[in-house]
């Protein structure tokens, strides 16, 4: 089986609620995390929801990063995909964001991606 990429889906809980609603600070943090993890940011887009919540989507040379926040519950959802079999950068980004967001806990699932994978429908 040829693996064309890795996807990391993570849930971070017990996060700093005020930070999860601060679009500008989240943009700075996500950019810093992408750089520190060894990924290459191409473009970042974000949206602040009313009354609360932020979604950030980063296009990276390797694929994409998405962060969705739920300040009311101190929860953030992270999705990172890159076109490489090495998952180390994904875990570096998760660790960076867990610390930066003050998360008490992070659970995750790693998914192998590729055209040769036999996924059930």
PDB file of N, CA and C in Angstrom:
ATOM      1  N   UNK A   1       0.845  -1.178   0.000  1.00  0.00           N
ATOM      2  CA  UNK A   1       0.000   0.000   0.000  1.00  0.00           C
ATOM      3  C   UNK A   1       0.885   1.235   0.000  1.00  0.00           C
ATOM      4  N   UNK A   2       0.677   2.120  -0.958  1.00  0.00           N
ATOM      5  CA  UNK A   2       1.420   3.371  -1.025  1.00  0.00           C
ATOM      6  C   UNK A   2       0.636   4.458  -0.290  1.00  0.00           C
ATOM      7  N   UNK A   3       1.288   5.061   0.693  1.00  0.00           N
ATOM      8  CA  UNK A   3       0.665   6.162   1.436  1.00  0.00           C
ATOM      9  C   UNK A   3       1.069   7.473   0.790  1.00  0.00           C
ATOM     10  N   UNK A   4       0.077   8.230   0.339  1.00  0.00           N
ATOM     11  CA  UNK A   4       0.335   9.517  -0.297  1.00  0.00           C
ATOM     12  C   UNK A   4       0.298  10.672   0.692  1.00  0.00           C
ATOM     13  N   UNK A   5      -0.230  10.452   1.872  1.00  0.00           N
ATOM     14  CA  UNK A   5      -0.328  11.534   2.836  1.00  0.00           C
ATOM     15  C   UNK A   5      -0.812  11.057   4.183  1.00  0.00           C
ATOM     16  N   UNK A   6      -0.750  11.976   5.138  1.00  0.00           N
ATOM     17  CA  UNK A   6      -1.223  11.716   6.502  1.00  0.00           C
ATOM     18  C   UNK A   6      -2.171  12.840   6.887  1.00  0.00           C
ATOM     19  N   UNK A   7      -3.225  12.461   7.592  1.00  0.00           N
ATOM     20  CA  UNK A   7      -4.172  13.436   8.110  1.00  0.00           C
ATOM     21  C   UNK A   7      -4.295  13.223   9.610  1.00  0.00           C
ATOM     22  N   UNK A   8      -4.231  14.307  10.339  1.00  0.00           N
ATOM     23  CA  UNK A   8      -4.380  14.266  11.788  1.00  0.00           C
ATOM     24  C   UNK A   8      -5.635  15.051  12.146  1.00  0.00           C
ATOM     25  N   UNK A   9      -6.547  14.395  12.825  1.00  0.00           N
ATOM     26  CA  UNK A   9      -7.775  15.020  13.309  1.00  0.00           C
ATOM     27  C   UNK A   9      -7.665  15.028  14.824  1.00  0.00           C
ATOM     28  N   UNK A  10      -7.824  16.212  15.427  1.00  0.00           N
ATOM     29  CA  UNK A  10      -7.628  16.314  16.874  1.00  0.00           C
ATOM     30  C   UNK A  10      -8.692  17.196  17.508  1.00  0.00           C
ATOM     31  N   UNK A  11      -8.985  16.882  18.764  1.00  0.00           N
ATOM     32  CA  UNK A  11      -9.898  17.676  19.595  1.00  0.00           C
ATOM     33  C   UNK A  11      -9.113  18.138  20.813  1.00  0.00           C
ATOM     34  N   UNK A  12      -9.074  19.448  21.026  1.00  0.00           N
ATOM     35  CA  UNK A  12      -8.372  20.032  22.168  1.00  0.00           C
ATOM     36  C   UNK A  12      -9.417  20.597  23.125  1.00  0.00           C
ATOM     37  N   UNK A  13      -9.369  20.162  24.373  1.00  0.00           N
ATOM     38  CA  UNK A  13     -10.365  20.593  25.354  1.00  0.00           C
ATOM     39  C   UNK A  13      -9.689  21.288  26.530  1.00  0.00           C
ATOM     40  N   UNK A  14     -10.484  22.059  27.259  1.00  0.00           N
ATOM     41  CA  UNK A  14      -9.955  22.806  28.393  1.00  0.00           C
ATOM     42  C   UNK A  14      -9.096  23.976  27.961  1.00  0.00           C
ATOM     43  N   UNK A  15      -9.357  24.513  26.773  1.00  0.00           N
ATOM     44  CA  UNK A  15      -8.575  25.621  26.233  1.00  0.00           C
ATOM     45  C   UNK A  15      -8.979  26.961  26.857  1.00  0.00           C
ATOM     46  N   UNK A  16      -8.116  27.939  26.706  1.00  0.00           N
ATOM     47  CA  UNK A  16      -8.374  29.307  27.133  1.00  0.00           C
ATOM     48  C   UNK A  16      -9.549  29.856  26.319  1.00  0.00           C
ATOM     49  N   UNK A  17     -10.669  30.087  26.956  1.00  0.00           N
ATOM     50  CA  UNK A  17     -11.896  30.483  26.254  1.00  0.00           C
ATOM     51  C   UNK A  17     -11.766  31.839  25.576  1.00  0.00           C
ATOM     52  N   UNK A  18     -11.120  32.794  26.220  1.00  0.00           N
ATOM     53  CA  UNK A  18     -10.960  34.122  25.614  1.00  0.00           C
ATOM     54  C   UNK A  18     -10.099  34.038  24.358  1.00  0.00           C
ATOM     55  N   UNK A  19      -9.037  33.256  24.418  1.00  0.00           N
ATOM     56  CA  UNK A  19      -8.148  33.099  23.266  1.00  0.00           C
ATOM     57  C   UNK A  19      -8.881  32.448  22.092  1.00  0.00           C
ATOM     58  N   UNK A  20      -9.755  31.503  22.376  1.00  0.00           N
ATOM     59  CA  UNK A  20     -10.493  30.818  21.313  1.00  0.00           C
ATOM     60  C   UNK A  20     -11.432  31.735  20.549  1.00  0.00           C
ATOM     61  N   UNK A  21     -11.680  32.931  21.074  1.00  0.00           N
ATOM     62  CA  UNK A  21     -12.564  33.881  20.406  1.00  0.00           C
ATOM     63  C   UNK A  21     -11.804  35.075  19.835  1.00  0.00           C
ATOM     64  N   UNK A  22     -10.478  35.026  19.869  1.00  0.00           N
ATOM     65  CA  UNK A  22      -9.632  36.143  19.416  1.00  0.00           C
ATOM     66  C   UNK A  22      -9.018  35.805  18.057  1.00  0.00           C
ATOM     67  N   UNK A  23      -9.669  36.249  17.004  1.00  0.00           N
ATOM     68  CA  UNK A  23      -9.262  35.909  15.636  1.00  0.00           C
ATOM     69  C   UNK A  23      -7.822  36.325  15.329  1.00  0.00           C
ATOM     70  N   UNK A  24      -7.440  37.513  15.745  1.00  0.00           N
ATOM     71  CA  UNK A  24      -6.080  37.993  15.440  1.00  0.00           C
ATOM     72  C   UNK A  24      -5.012  37.174  16.158  1.00  0.00           C
ATOM     73  N   UNK A  25      -5.209  36.922  17.440  1.00  0.00           N
ATOM     74  CA  UNK A  25      -4.226  36.127  18.193  1.00  0.00           C
ATOM     75  C   UNK A  25      -4.156  34.693  17.676  1.00  0.00           C
ATOM     76  N   UNK A  26      -5.297  34.116  17.312  1.00  0.00           N
ATOM     77  CA  UNK A  26      -5.308  32.764  16.770  1.00  0.00           C
ATOM     78  C   UNK A  26      -4.558  32.693  15.436  1.00  0.00           C
ATOM     79  N   UNK A  27      -4.710  33.722  14.609  1.00  0.00           N
ATOM     80  CA  UNK A  27      -4.007  33.774  13.329  1.00  0.00           C
ATOM     81  C   UNK A  27      -2.498  33.795  13.551  1.00  0.00           C
ATOM     82  N   UNK A  28      -2.052  34.603  14.502  1.00  0.00           N
ATOM     83  CA  UNK A  28      -0.621  34.678  14.826  1.00  0.00           C
ATOM     84  C   UNK A  28      -0.135  33.337  15.367  1.00  0.00           C
ATOM     85  N   UNK A  29      -0.898  32.740  16.270  1.00  0.00           N
ATOM     86  CA  UNK A  29      -0.508  31.456  16.860  1.00  0.00           C
ATOM     87  C   UNK A  29      -0.454  30.336  15.832  1.00  0.00           C
ATOM     88  N   UNK A  30      -1.461  30.258  14.982  1.00  0.00           N
ATOM     89  CA  UNK A  30      -1.475  29.190  13.989  1.00  0.00           C
ATOM     90  C   UNK A  30      -0.319  29.353  13.010  1.00  0.00           C
ATOM     91  N   UNK A  31      -0.040  30.578  12.590  1.00  0.00           N
ATOM     92  CA  UNK A  31       1.100  30.830  11.704  1.00  0.00           C
ATOM     93  C   UNK A  31       2.401  30.408  12.374  1.00  0.00           C
ATOM     94  N   UNK A  32       2.574  30.783  13.628  1.00  0.00           N
ATOM     95  CA  UNK A  32       3.792  30.406  14.364  1.00  0.00           C
ATOM     96  C   UNK A  32       3.907  28.889  14.486  1.00  0.00           C
ATOM     97  N   UNK A  33       2.800  28.223  14.754  1.00  0.00           N
ATOM     98  CA  UNK A  33       2.811  26.773  14.881  1.00  0.00           C
ATOM     99  C   UNK A  33       3.155  26.075  13.574  1.00  0.00           C
ATOM    100  N   UNK A  34       2.630  26.584  12.483  1.00  0.00           N
ATOM    101  CA  UNK A  34       2.935  26.015  11.169  1.00  0.00           C
ATOM    102  C   UNK A  34       4.427  26.134  10.885  1.00  0.00           C
ATOM    103  N   UNK A  35       4.984  27.297  11.139  1.00  0.00           N
ATOM    104  CA  UNK A  35       6.418  27.515  10.910  1.00  0.00           C
ATOM    105  C   UNK A  35       7.245  26.614  11.814  1.00  0.00           C
ATOM    106  N   UNK A  36       6.917  26.601  13.110  1.00  0.00           N
ATOM    107  CA  UNK A  36       7.692  25.820  14.072  1.00  0.00           C
ATOM    108  C   UNK A  36       7.624  24.317  13.793  1.00  0.00           C
ATOM    109  N   UNK A  37       6.525  23.859  13.219  1.00  0.00           N
ATOM    110  CA  UNK A  37       6.389  22.429  12.951  1.00  0.00           C
ATOM    111  C   UNK A  37       7.102  21.997  11.669  1.00  0.00           C
ATOM    112  N   UNK A  38       7.626  22.962  10.915  1.00  0.00           N
ATOM    113  CA  UNK A  38       8.358  22.635   9.696  1.00  0.00           C
ATOM    114  C   UNK A  38       7.499  22.596   8.448  1.00  0.00           C
ATOM    115  N   UNK A  39       6.263  23.071   8.550  1.00  0.00           N
ATOM    116  CA  UNK A  39       5.386  23.153   7.388  1.00  0.00           C
ATOM    117  C   UNK A  39       5.532  24.542   6.760  1.00  0.00           C
ATOM    118  N   UNK A  40       4.998  24.726   5.550  1.00  0.00           N
ATOM    119  CA  UNK A  40       5.179  25.978   4.818  1.00  0.00           C
ATOM    120  C   UNK A  40       3.828  26.608   4.505  1.00  0.00           C
ATOM    121  N   UNK A  41       3.538  27.722   5.160  1.00  0.00           N
ATOM    122  CA  UNK A  41       2.267  28.415   4.936  1.00  0.00           C
ATOM    123  C   UNK A  41       2.288  29.168   3.619  1.00  0.00           C
ATOM    124  N   UNK A  42       1.206  29.030   2.853  1.00  0.00           N
ATOM    125  CA  UNK A  42       1.041  29.741   1.592  1.00  0.00           C
ATOM    126  C   UNK A  42       0.017  30.863   1.758  1.00  0.00           C
ATOM    127  N   UNK A  43      -1.090  30.551   2.436  1.00  0.00           N
ATOM    128  CA  UNK A  43      -2.180  31.518   2.599  1.00  0.00           C
ATOM    129  C   UNK A  43      -2.992  31.147   3.836  1.00  0.00           C
ATOM    130  N   UNK A  44      -3.482  32.176   4.538  1.00  0.00           N
ATOM    131  CA  UNK A  44      -4.342  31.955   5.707  1.00  0.00           C
ATOM    132  C   UNK A  44      -5.616  32.768   5.509  1.00  0.00           C
ATOM    133  N   UNK A  45      -6.728  32.153   5.818  1.00  0.00           N
ATOM    134  CA  UNK A  45      -8.017  32.828   5.786  1.00  0.00           C
ATOM    135  C   UNK A  45      -8.726  32.520   7.100  1.00  0.00           C
ATOM    136  N   UNK A  46      -9.478  33.492   7.609  1.00  0.00           N
ATOM    137  CA  UNK A  46     -10.185  33.261   8.868  1.00  0.00           C
ATOM    138  C   UNK A  46     -11.544  33.945   8.838  1.00  0.00           C
ATOM    139  N   UNK A  47     -12.401  33.478   9.733  1.00  0.00           N
ATOM    140  CA  UNK A  47     -13.719  34.076   9.874  1.00  0.00           C
ATOM    141  C   UNK A  47     -14.111  34.055  11.348  1.00  0.00           C
ATOM    142  N   UNK A  48     -14.557  35.210  11.854  1.00  0.00           N
ATOM    143  CA  UNK A  48     -15.047  35.333  13.230  1.00  0.00           C
ATOM    144  C   UNK A  48     -16.559  35.266  13.182  1.00  0.00           C
ATOM    145  N   UNK A  49     -17.119  34.298  13.881  1.00  0.00           N
ATOM    146  CA  UNK A  49     -18.563  34.126  13.923  1.00  0.00           C
ATOM    147  C   UNK A  49     -19.161  35.005  15.018  1.00  0.00           C
ATOM    148  N   UNK A  50     -20.437  35.346  14.864  1.00  0.00           N
ATOM    149  CA  UNK A  50     -21.157  36.119  15.856  1.00  0.00           C
ATOM    150  C   UNK A  50     -22.245  35.238  16.460  1.00  0.00           C
ATOM    151  N   UNK A  51     -22.318  35.088  17.748  1.00  0.00           N
ATOM    152  CA  UNK A  51     -21.618  35.915  18.721  1.00  0.00           C
ATOM    153  C   UNK A  51     -20.207  35.433  19.062  1.00  0.00           C
ATOM    154  N   UNK A  52     -19.901  34.128  18.871  1.00  0.00           N
ATOM    155  CA  UNK A  52     -18.569  33.652  19.230  1.00  0.00           C
ATOM    156  C   UNK A  52     -18.120  32.536  18.293  1.00  0.00           C
ATOM    157  N   UNK A  53     -16.804  32.331  18.282  1.00  0.00           N
ATOM    158  CA  UNK A  53     -16.210  31.255  17.505  1.00  0.00           C
ATOM    159  C   UNK A  53     -15.400  31.777  16.330  1.00  0.00           C
ATOM    160  N   UNK A  54     -14.353  31.050  15.998  1.00  0.00           N
ATOM    161  CA  UNK A  54     -13.463  31.426  14.905  1.00  0.00           C
ATOM    162  C   UNK A  54     -13.117  30.165  14.117  1.00  0.00           C
ATOM    163  N   UNK A  55     -13.035  30.308  12.810  1.00  0.00           N
ATOM    164  CA  UNK A  55     -12.509  29.255  11.947  1.00  0.00           C
ATOM    165  C   UNK A  55     -11.345  29.827  11.164  1.00  0.00           C
ATOM    166  N   UNK A  56     -10.228  29.081  11.157  1.00  0.00           N
ATOM    167  CA  UNK A  56      -9.052  29.460  10.387  1.00  0.00           C
ATOM    168  C   UNK A  56      -8.711  28.318   9.444  1.00  0.00           C
ATOM    169  N   UNK A  57      -8.396  28.668   8.208  1.00  0.00           N
ATOM    170  CA  UNK A  57      -7.980  27.688   7.217  1.00  0.00           C
ATOM    171  C   UNK A  57      -6.653  28.179   6.643  1.00  0.00           C
ATOM    172  N   UNK A  58      -5.632  27.337   6.725  1.00  0.00           N
ATOM    173  CA  UNK A  58      -4.329  27.681   6.161  1.00  0.00           C
ATOM    174  C   UNK A  58      -4.029  26.733   5.016  1.00  0.00           C
ATOM    175  N   UNK A  59      -3.724  27.296   3.877  1.00  0.00           N
ATOM    176  CA  UNK A  59      -3.200  26.506   2.778  1.00  0.00           C
ATOM    177  C   UNK A  59      -1.697  26.422   3.029  1.00  0.00           C
ATOM    178  N   UNK A  60      -1.184  25.216   3.060  1.00  0.00           N
ATOM    179  CA  UNK A  60       0.253  25.011   3.237  1.00  0.00           C
ATOM    180  C   UNK A  60       0.774  24.313   1.982  1.00  0.00           C
ATOM    181  N   UNK A  61       2.049  24.455   1.719  1.00  0.00           N
ATOM    182  CA  UNK A  61       2.630  23.805   0.537  1.00  0.00           C
ATOM    183  C   UNK A  61       2.338  22.323   0.539  1.00  0.00           C
ATOM    184  N   UNK A  62       2.251  21.763   1.716  1.00  0.00           N
ATOM    185  CA  UNK A  62       2.045  20.325   1.870  1.00  0.00           C
ATOM    186  C   UNK A  62       0.573  19.920   1.782  1.00  0.00           C
ATOM    187  N   UNK A  63      -0.375  20.838   1.986  1.00  0.00           N
ATOM    188  CA  UNK A  63      -1.815  20.627   1.830  1.00  0.00           C
ATOM    189  C   UNK A  63      -2.612  21.672   2.603  1.00  0.00           C
ATOM    190  N   UNK A  64      -3.169  21.327   3.821  1.00  0.00           N
ATOM    191  CA  UNK A  64      -3.978  22.320   4.537  1.00  0.00           C
ATOM    192  C   UNK A  64      -3.996  22.079   6.051  1.00  0.00           C
ATOM    193  N   UNK A  65      -4.384  23.146   6.763  1.00  0.00           N
ATOM    194  CA  UNK A  65      -4.618  23.105   8.205  1.00  0.00           C
ATOM    195  C   UNK A  65      -5.937  23.834   8.454  1.00  0.00           C
ATOM    196  N   UNK A  66      -6.808  23.247   9.248  1.00  0.00           N
ATOM    197  CA  UNK A  66      -8.060  23.904   9.625  1.00  0.00           C
ATOM    198  C   UNK A  66      -8.190  23.867  11.148  1.00  0.00           C
ATOM    199  N   UNK A  67      -8.590  25.001  11.718  1.00  0.00           N
ATOM    200  CA  UNK A  67      -8.817  25.102  13.157  1.00  0.00           C
ATOM    201  C   UNK A  67     -10.180  25.744  13.373  1.00  0.00           C
ATOM    202  N   UNK A  68     -11.033  25.069  14.124  1.00  0.00           N
ATOM    203  CA  UNK A  68     -12.376  25.564  14.433  1.00  0.00           C
ATOM    204  C   UNK A  68     -12.489  25.681  15.948  1.00  0.00           C
ATOM    205  N   UNK A  69     -12.930  26.848  16.441  1.00  0.00           N
ATOM    206  CA  UNK A  69     -12.987  27.044  17.888  1.00  0.00           C
ATOM    207  C   UNK A  69     -14.427  27.154  18.392  1.00  0.00           C
ATOM    208  N   UNK A  70     -14.592  26.694  19.625  1.00  0.00           N
ATOM    209  CA  UNK A  70     -15.874  26.724  20.319  1.00  0.00           C
ATOM    210  C   UNK A  70     -15.617  27.304  21.712  1.00  0.00           C
ATOM    211  N   UNK A  71     -15.487  28.640  21.794  1.00  0.00           N
ATOM    212  CA  UNK A  71     -15.117  29.287  23.057  1.00  0.00           C
ATOM    213  C   UNK A  71     -16.058  28.969  24.207  1.00  0.00           C
ATOM    214  N   UNK A  72     -17.329  28.800  23.920  1.00  0.00           N
ATOM    215  CA  UNK A  72     -18.300  28.559  24.988  1.00  0.00           C
ATOM    216  C   UNK A  72     -17.996  27.281  25.759  1.00  0.00           C
ATOM    217  N   UNK A  73     -17.336  26.325  25.114  1.00  0.00           N
ATOM    218  CA  UNK A  73     -16.998  25.073  25.798  1.00  0.00           C
ATOM    219  C   UNK A  73     -15.491  24.869  25.959  1.00  0.00           C
ATOM    220  N   UNK A  74     -14.686  25.866  25.564  1.00  0.00           N
ATOM    221  CA  UNK A  74     -13.236  25.738  25.701  1.00  0.00           C
ATOM    222  C   UNK A  74     -12.646  24.651  24.818  1.00  0.00           C
ATOM    223  N   UNK A  75     -13.213  24.486  23.631  1.00  0.00           N
ATOM    224  CA  UNK A  75     -12.881  23.365  22.754  1.00  0.00           C
ATOM    225  C   UNK A  75     -12.432  23.881  21.385  1.00  0.00           C
ATOM    226  N   UNK A  76     -11.416  23.225  20.814  1.00  0.00           N
ATOM    227  CA  UNK A  76     -10.981  23.520  19.447  1.00  0.00           C
ATOM    228  C   UNK A  76     -10.824  22.212  18.689  1.00  0.00           C
ATOM    229  N   UNK A  77     -11.225  22.229  17.426  1.00  0.00           N
ATOM    230  CA  UNK A  77     -11.068  21.074  16.545  1.00  0.00           C
ATOM    231  C   UNK A  77     -10.000  21.407  15.511  1.00  0.00           C
ATOM    232  N   UNK A  78      -9.078  20.485  15.317  1.00  0.00           N
ATOM    233  CA  UNK A  78      -7.944  20.684  14.410  1.00  0.00           C
ATOM    234  C   UNK A  78      -7.944  19.594  13.349  1.00  0.00           C
ATOM    235  N   UNK A  79      -7.682  19.991  12.116  1.00  0.00           N
ATOM    236  CA  UNK A  79      -7.528  19.049  11.011  1.00  0.00           C
ATOM    237  C   UNK A  79      -6.277  19.462  10.244  1.00  0.00           C
ATOM    238  N   UNK A  80      -5.310  18.555  10.147  1.00  0.00           N
ATOM    239  CA  UNK A  80      -4.071  18.833   9.427  1.00  0.00           C
ATOM    240  C   UNK A  80      -3.842  17.704   8.436  1.00  0.00           C
ATOM    241  N   UNK A  81      -3.629  18.075   7.187  1.00  0.00           N
ATOM    242  CA  UNK A  81      -3.349  17.077   6.160  1.00  0.00           C
ATOM    243  C   UNK A  81      -2.105  17.504   5.401  1.00  0.00           C
ATOM    244  N   UNK A  82      -1.203  16.550   5.173  1.00  0.00           N
ATOM    245  CA  UNK A  82      -0.072  16.856   4.304  1.00  0.00           C
ATOM    246  C   UNK A  82       0.275  15.651   3.451  1.00  0.00           C
ATOM    247  N   UNK A  83       0.777  15.948   2.283  1.00  0.00           N
ATOM    248  CA  UNK A  83       1.051  14.930   1.260  1.00  0.00           C
ATOM    249  C   UNK A  83       2.433  14.330   1.473  1.00  0.00           C
ATOM    250  N   UNK A  84       2.572  13.600   2.565  1.00  0.00           N
ATOM    251  CA  UNK A  84       3.844  13.003   2.925  1.00  0.00           C
ATOM    252  C   UNK A  84       3.542  11.872   3.901  1.00  0.00           C
ATOM    253  N   UNK A  85       4.330  10.834   3.868  1.00  0.00           N
ATOM    254  CA  UNK A  85       4.107   9.709   4.776  1.00  0.00           C
ATOM    255  C   UNK A  85       4.630   9.980   6.179  1.00  0.00           C
ATOM    256  N   UNK A  86       5.428  11.035   6.358  1.00  0.00           N
ATOM    257  CA  UNK A  86       6.003  11.381   7.658  1.00  0.00           C
ATOM    258  C   UNK A  86       5.000  12.200   8.468  1.00  0.00           C
ATOM    259  N   UNK A  87       4.537  11.660   9.574  1.00  0.00           N
ATOM    260  CA  UNK A  87       3.529  12.361  10.380  1.00  0.00           C
ATOM    261  C   UNK A  87       4.135  13.271  11.451  1.00  0.00           C
ATOM    262  N   UNK A  88       5.455  13.314  11.589  1.00  0.00           N
ATOM    263  CA  UNK A  88       6.088  14.109  12.648  1.00  0.00           C
ATOM    264  C   UNK A  88       5.674  15.586  12.636  1.00  0.00           C
ATOM    265  N   UNK A  89       5.624  16.269  11.488  1.00  0.00           N
ATOM    266  CA  UNK A  89       5.212  17.680  11.509  1.00  0.00           C
ATOM    267  C   UNK A  89       3.792  17.883  12.039  1.00  0.00           C
ATOM    268  N   UNK A  90       2.921  16.921  11.778  1.00  0.00           N
ATOM    269  CA  UNK A  90       1.543  17.033  12.257  1.00  0.00           C
ATOM    270  C   UNK A  90       1.494  17.010  13.780  1.00  0.00           C
ATOM    271  N   UNK A  91       2.287  16.136  14.373  1.00  0.00           N
ATOM    272  CA  UNK A  91       2.320  16.035  15.839  1.00  0.00           C
ATOM    273  C   UNK A  91       3.033  17.226  16.472  1.00  0.00           C
ATOM    274  N   UNK A  92       4.020  17.788  15.784  1.00  0.00           N
ATOM    275  CA  UNK A  92       4.663  19.003  16.303  1.00  0.00           C
ATOM    276  C   UNK A  92       3.664  20.153  16.338  1.00  0.00           C
ATOM    277  N   UNK A  93       2.835  20.274  15.298  1.00  0.00           N
ATOM    278  CA  UNK A  93       1.818  21.327  15.275  1.00  0.00           C
ATOM    279  C   UNK A  93       0.778  21.088  16.367  1.00  0.00           C
ATOM    280  N   UNK A  94       0.338  19.854  16.535  1.00  0.00           N
ATOM    281  CA  UNK A  94      -0.630  19.546  17.601  1.00  0.00           C
ATOM    282  C   UNK A  94      -0.066  19.915  18.967  1.00  0.00           C
ATOM    283  N   UNK A  95       1.170  19.528  19.238  1.00  0.00           N
ATOM    284  CA  UNK A  95       1.795  19.834  20.529  1.00  0.00           C
ATOM    285  C   UNK A  95       1.917  21.346  20.732  1.00  0.00           C
ATOM    286  N   UNK A  96       2.314  22.069  19.680  1.00  0.00           N
ATOM    287  CA  UNK A  96       2.427  23.522  19.763  1.00  0.00           C
ATOM    288  C   UNK A  96       1.074  24.144  20.105  1.00  0.00           C
ATOM    289  N   UNK A  97       0.033  23.753  19.396  1.00  0.00           N
ATOM    290  CA  UNK A  97      -1.291  24.338  19.632  1.00  0.00           C
ATOM    291  C   UNK A  97      -1.865  23.941  20.979  1.00  0.00           C
ATOM    292  N   UNK A  98      -1.611  22.725  21.421  1.00  0.00           N
ATOM    293  CA  UNK A  98      -2.083  22.318  22.747  1.00  0.00           C
ATOM    294  C   UNK A  98      -1.500  23.240  23.812  1.00  0.00           C
ATOM    295  N   UNK A  99      -0.222  23.526  23.706  1.00  0.00           N
ATOM    296  CA  UNK A  99       0.424  24.428  24.664  1.00  0.00           C
ATOM    297  C   UNK A  99      -0.067  25.868  24.499  1.00  0.00           C
ATOM    298  N   UNK A 100      -0.094  26.351  23.265  1.00  0.00           N
ATOM    299  CA  UNK A 100      -0.455  27.753  22.999  1.00  0.00           C
ATOM    300  C   UNK A 100      -1.896  28.059  23.398  1.00  0.00           C
ATOM    301  N   UNK A 101      -2.790  27.100  23.243  1.00  0.00           N
ATOM    302  CA  UNK A 101      -4.202  27.316  23.584  1.00  0.00           C
ATOM    303  C   UNK A 101      -4.512  26.979  25.037  1.00  0.00           C
ATOM    304  N   UNK A 102      -3.508  26.479  25.753  1.00  0.00           N
ATOM    305  CA  UNK A 102      -3.703  26.120  27.155  1.00  0.00           C
ATOM    306  C   UNK A 102      -4.614  24.925  27.335  1.00  0.00           C
ATOM    307  N   UNK A 103      -4.622  24.020  26.360  1.00  0.00           N
ATOM    308  CA  UNK A 103      -5.525  22.863  26.414  1.00  0.00           C
ATOM    309  C   UNK A 103      -5.115  21.900  27.520  1.00  0.00           C
ATOM    310  N   UNK A 104      -6.099  21.448  28.280  1.00  0.00           N
ATOM    311  CA  UNK A 104      -5.873  20.437  29.314  1.00  0.00           C
ATOM    312  C   UNK A 104      -5.687  19.052  28.709  1.00  0.00           C
ATOM    313  N   UNK A 105      -6.322  18.845  27.544  1.00  0.00           N
ATOM    314  CA  UNK A 105      -6.310  17.516  26.954  1.00  0.00           C
ATOM    315  C   UNK A 105      -6.378  17.629  25.437  1.00  0.00           C
ATOM    316  N   UNK A 106      -5.751  16.670  24.753  1.00  0.00           N
ATOM    317  CA  UNK A 106      -5.849  16.581  23.297  1.00  0.00           C
ATOM    318  C   UNK A 106      -5.996  15.114  22.917  1.00  0.00           C
ATOM    319  N   UNK A 107      -7.039  14.828  22.173  1.00  0.00           N
ATOM    320  CA  UNK A 107      -7.214  13.487  21.631  1.00  0.00           C
ATOM    321  C   UNK A 107      -7.065  13.599  20.119  1.00  0.00           C
ATOM    322  N   UNK A 108      -6.598  12.529  19.501  1.00  0.00           N
ATOM    323  CA  UNK A 108      -6.364  12.617  18.064  1.00  0.00           C
ATOM    324  C   UNK A 108      -6.546  11.275  17.373  1.00  0.00           C
ATOM    325  N   UNK A 109      -6.675  11.365  16.071  1.00  0.00           N
ATOM    326  CA  UNK A 109      -6.764  10.210  15.197  1.00  0.00           C
ATOM    327  C   UNK A 109      -5.905  10.515  13.984  1.00  0.00           C
ATOM    328  N   UNK A 110      -5.021   9.601  13.615  1.00  0.00           N
ATOM    329  CA  UNK A 110      -4.202   9.757  12.420  1.00  0.00           C
ATOM    330  C   UNK A 110      -4.755   8.857  11.324  1.00  0.00           C
ATOM    331  N   UNK A 111      -4.868   9.411  10.137  1.00  0.00           N
ATOM    332  CA  UNK A 111      -5.427   8.695   9.007  1.00  0.00           C
ATOM    333  C   UNK A 111      -4.399   8.668   7.882  1.00  0.00           C
ATOM    334  N   UNK A 112      -4.154   7.484   7.334  1.00  0.00           N
ATOM    335  CA  UNK A 112      -3.323   7.373   6.137  1.00  0.00           C
ATOM    336  C   UNK A 112      -4.204   7.695   4.937  1.00  0.00           C
ATOM    337  N   UNK A 113      -3.657   8.472   4.006  1.00  0.00           N
ATOM    338  CA  UNK A 113      -4.413   8.870   2.817  1.00  0.00           C
ATOM    339  C   UNK A 113      -3.682   8.408   1.576  1.00  0.00           C
ATOM    340  N   UNK A 114      -4.420   8.126   0.529  1.00  0.00           N
ATOM    341  CA  UNK A 114      -3.814   7.741  -0.733  1.00  0.00           C
ATOM    342  C   UNK A 114      -4.786   7.012  -1.629  1.00  0.00           C
ATOM    343  N   UNK A 115      -4.554   7.105  -2.917  1.00  0.00           N
ATOM    344  CA  UNK A 115      -5.425   6.485  -3.897  1.00  0.00           C
ATOM    345  C   UNK A 115      -5.409   4.968  -3.794  1.00  0.00           C
ATOM    346  N   UNK A 116      -4.315   4.405  -3.301  1.00  0.00           N
ATOM    347  CA  UNK A 116      -4.187   2.950  -3.230  1.00  0.00           C
ATOM    348  C   UNK A 116      -4.850   2.354  -1.990  1.00  0.00           C
ATOM    349  N   UNK A 117      -5.345   3.205  -1.082  1.00  0.00           N
ATOM    350  CA  UNK A 117      -5.971   2.681   0.135  1.00  0.00           C
ATOM    351  C   UNK A 117      -7.352   2.115  -0.194  1.00  0.00           C
ATOM    352  N   UNK A 118      -7.679   1.039   0.428  1.00  0.00           N
ATOM    353  CA  UNK A 118      -8.964   0.392   0.222  1.00  0.00           C
ATOM    354  C   UNK A 118      -9.907   0.825   1.344  1.00  0.00           C
ATOM    355  N   UNK A 119     -10.605   1.939   1.145  1.00  0.00           N
ATOM    356  CA  UNK A 119     -11.523   2.462   2.157  1.00  0.00           C
ATOM    357  C   UNK A 119     -12.916   1.903   1.921  1.00  0.00           C
ATOM    358  N   UNK A 120     -13.603   1.592   2.991  1.00  0.00           N
ATOM    359  CA  UNK A 120     -14.981   1.093   2.924  1.00  0.00           C
ATOM    360  C   UNK A 120     -15.925   2.245   2.606  1.00  0.00           C
ATOM    361  N   UNK A 121     -16.945   1.952   1.831  1.00  0.00           N
ATOM    362  CA  UNK A 121     -17.941   2.993   1.513  1.00  0.00           C
ATOM    363  C   UNK A 121     -19.166   2.797   2.353  1.00  0.00           C
TER     364      UNK A 121
END
